Amino acid sequence: MGLNCYHAISSLLDGMVCGSGDHRDGAIYIAACLEASRLIYICFGGGMTKRQLRFYDLKVKAAARYEVNNEMISTNVVAFPLLDIMKQAVTVFDSVECLYRELPNEIKFYLADICIEEDESKVTLLINKSDPTEPDQTISNPILGERQDLEKPDGFGNDYSAHVCINLNPIGPNLYSMVYESPRGGIPGAQVHSFINHLFRECRAHHKSAYKVAHPAGVMEDGRPVLVNALHTVDLNGKISDDFLNDLANGSLGRIELANYKNVGRVWDDSAGLKEEKNIIILRPEVAHLPAEGVLDALKQAFTKGSNFDYDEAVIVFKDPYDTQHTVVMNTEDFTLSDNEKYVKKAYIVTPDVNANGYGEIDNDIKNALYAAL
């Protein structure tokens, strides 16, 4: 490596703090990481990979479950701080041989590693997928005319990792910032969401007494409150991307549904054969009064009104500038995405000497880049 390259990289790295308590501006840190990575690539002729980040808000919810007249009822209760649950997750991870969730065809999602920082400000989960249904990989060098088949042994699957980093300091009631990365073809946000909920269930199974709360209706037995289970779950709400805002503003808005789930299960016939699923308000755009530059403001105003009347969910149908139709589910309270991978806010990091689909333990370079992005 030339002397100029060495000095350029050294000066950048001297200004970067990795794995410390220094909370510098995330954008500046990432820019420095990217520039250092670019110089390493130039000087060494390769050896780095671009990895995609996705940004979410993670909301912890808790509900007491109990039976009334042979029907299960849920009542919202106070949720544990996420830090407490992650500490439980560490004890569960340390006590079992493999903490995993199995899908059909023997596809397994498993927790490969977990780390809570010493100052308890952040946690990193390394969630892996082992997929034996994928074909064996083939690598090649066409210039040399060489290729090699990589055959999986019996019981093995192609392995992919997702580094999931969460800020344990809430940004709102039970609300936490989260960012995760996974290589191309790796683990989608929906599976990260499912696995975190699975992890919560495992925590409750291993700490049963901690998840008992007094019956919300004040039911007593032998002079003592009856205890019921407090089930904890998470919602994963995607932060919206500029692509979504551009496609919505420059496309054509079709239909908006605001949904209220307040009376789920309400009976509408004498035999209890028909029950309410949701209450819907349908909004349609009046093009003459809704110019392109006013679409986003109009939606936010409608969402605010809907949220005030417990219409917590919105379904938007629209066409982008290329006339492709999209259906997006959003949360009216904070204008985040419920179930859409395409429009979740994304960014990229370039990590030197990191070029693997799967990891057995948390990679510090990736972790530090994610912490800076939070």
Foldseek 3Di string as FASTA:
>chain_A
DDPVLVVVLVVLVVPEDFQDPDQDQLVVNQVSQQVSLVSCCVVVVDFWDKWKKFKWKKFKWKWFWDDDPNDIDTDTDADDQVLVLLVLLVVLCVPDPWAWDADPPRKIKTFLEKDQRPVNFKIKTKIKIFAQPDDWDKDDDVVVPDIDTDDDDPPGGAMFIKIKMWGSPAPDRRMTIIMIIAHVVGDFPVVVQVVVLSSQVSSCVVVVVVQWDFDPVQDDDPRHGDTTGIRMHMAIWFDFAVLVLQQQLQWFWAKKKQWAQPQFQCADDDVSPDTDRIDIDMDGDDPVPAHSVRRVVVLLVVLVVSVVVRSQKMWTWIAGNVRDIDIWIAGSVPGTGGDDRVGGHMDMGMGGNDDDRHDSYDDSRVVRSRVSVD
